[in-house]
């Protein structure tokens, strides 16, 4: 059983509108992140992962974004195992976000 939850783009939009404490991490490569990202998101990679975990609020919702919503599931599971209480994987990934905007 996975410890993270799936989140649709519409649910994320609603969550961002209602809760300023939502943390969004984007695990795509740096160039893709620079080309476009969800406002307020952090580009998370192997180089800054430990720092992010050390600085992040483990009690605030955490949404993991990748290209199409596949890789983010493994990352969400890992981050939950690191102590984040409320972790989501964005279904459809950044592609779905871009299509919705």
Protein backbone atom coordinates (compact mmCIF):
# COMPACT_ATOMS: atom_id res chain seq x y z
CA UNK A 1 0.00 0.00 0.00
CA UNK A 2 1.37 3.38 -0.95
CA UNK A 3 1.51 6.09 1.69
CA UNK A 4 1.11 8.98 -0.73
CA UNK A 5 -2.11 10.13 -2.38
CA UNK A 6 -2.90 10.96 -6.00
CA UNK A 7 -3.91 14.52 -6.82
CA UNK A 8 -5.56 15.86 -9.96
CA UNK A 9 -4.60 19.21 -11.48
CA UNK A 10 -7.97 20.64 -10.44
CA UNK A 11 -7.42 19.45 -6.86
CA UNK A 12 -3.98 21.08 -6.86
CA UNK A 13 -5.37 24.36 -8.16
CA UNK A 14 -8.00 24.32 -5.40
CA UNK A 15 -5.39 23.37 -2.79
CA UNK A 16 -3.10 26.22 -3.86
CA UNK A 17 -6.01 28.68 -3.75
CA UNK A 18 -7.01 27.59 -0.24
CA UNK A 19 -3.69 26.83 1.44
CA UNK A 20 -0.53 28.90 1.17
CA UNK A 21 1.39 26.26 3.11
CA UNK A 22 1.36 23.75 0.23
CA UNK A 23 4.89 22.78 -0.83
CA UNK A 24 5.32 21.83 -4.49
CA UNK A 25 8.47 20.05 -5.62
CA UNK A 26 9.25 19.43 -9.28
CA UNK A 27 11.61 16.51 -9.97
CA UNK A 28 12.06 17.19 -13.69
CA UNK A 29 15.51 18.10 -14.98
CA UNK A 30 16.72 21.66 -14.43
CA UNK A 31 16.32 22.77 -18.05
CA UNK A 32 12.71 21.59 -18.19
CA UNK A 33 12.01 23.29 -14.86
CA UNK A 34 13.53 26.56 -16.10
CA UNK A 35 11.42 26.36 -19.27
CA UNK A 36 8.22 26.24 -17.22
CA UNK A 37 7.06 25.36 -13.74
CA UNK A 38 4.18 25.63 -11.31
CA UNK A 39 4.46 29.02 -9.56
CA UNK A 40 6.18 28.69 -6.19
CA UNK A 41 7.52 25.20 -6.88
CA UNK A 42 11.03 24.04 -6.03
CA UNK A 43 13.17 22.05 -8.46
CA UNK A 44 14.18 19.01 -6.39
CA UNK A 45 17.16 16.91 -7.45
CA UNK A 46 19.81 14.69 -5.90
CA UNK A 47 22.03 17.69 -5.15
CA UNK A 48 19.48 19.59 -3.03
CA UNK A 49 17.36 16.72 -1.68
CA UNK A 50 19.01 16.46 1.74
CA UNK A 51 18.90 20.24 2.23
CA UNK A 52 15.24 20.35 1.22
CA UNK A 53 14.31 17.58 3.64
CA UNK A 54 16.20 19.34 6.42
CA UNK A 55 14.50 22.70 5.80
CA UNK A 56 10.98 21.64 4.77
CA UNK A 57 7.88 21.65 6.94
CA UNK A 58 7.09 17.96 7.41
CA UNK A 59 3.53 18.78 8.50
CA UNK A 60 2.51 20.86 5.47
CA UNK A 61 1.11 19.18 2.36
CA UNK A 62 3.80 18.23 -0.18
CA UNK A 63 2.97 17.79 -3.87
CA UNK A 64 5.49 16.02 -6.13
CA UNK A 65 5.45 16.87 -9.85
CA UNK A 66 7.28 15.17 -12.72
CA UNK A 67 6.72 15.10 -16.48
CA UNK A 68 3.62 12.88 -16.72
CA UNK A 69 2.85 11.70 -13.17
CA UNK A 70 4.80 8.44 -13.21
CA UNK A 71 8.20 9.20 -11.62
CA UNK A 72 6.55 11.43 -9.04
CA UNK A 73 4.88 8.38 -7.49
CA UNK A 74 8.21 6.84 -6.47
CA UNK A 75 9.49 10.21 -5.26
CA UNK A 76 6.30 10.80 -3.27
CA UNK A 77 6.63 7.40 -1.62
CA UNK A 78 10.27 8.13 -0.76
CA UNK A 79 9.46 11.55 0.70
CA UNK A 80 6.68 10.05 2.80
CA UNK A 81 9.20 7.53 4.13
CA UNK A 82 11.47 10.46 5.04
CA UNK A 83 8.81 11.80 7.40
CA UNK A 84 6.44 14.00 5.39
CA UNK A 85 2.91 13.42 6.68
CA UNK A 86 0.79 14.47 3.71
CA UNK A 87 2.36 13.66 0.33
CA UNK A 88 0.72 13.78 -3.10
CA UNK A 89 1.75 12.79 -6.61
CA UNK A 90 0.30 15.05 -9.31
CA UNK A 91 -1.58 12.88 -11.79
CA UNK A 92 -0.55 13.78 -15.33
CA UNK A 93 2.46 15.72 -14.04
CA UNK A 94 3.55 19.08 -15.38
CA UNK A 95 2.11 18.18 -18.78
CA UNK A 96 -1.39 18.11 -17.26
CA UNK A 97 -0.72 21.38 -15.41
CA UNK A 98 0.44 23.08 -18.62
CA UNK A 99 -2.62 21.84 -20.52
CA UNK A 100 -4.89 23.22 -17.79
CA UNK A 101 -3.23 26.62 -18.04
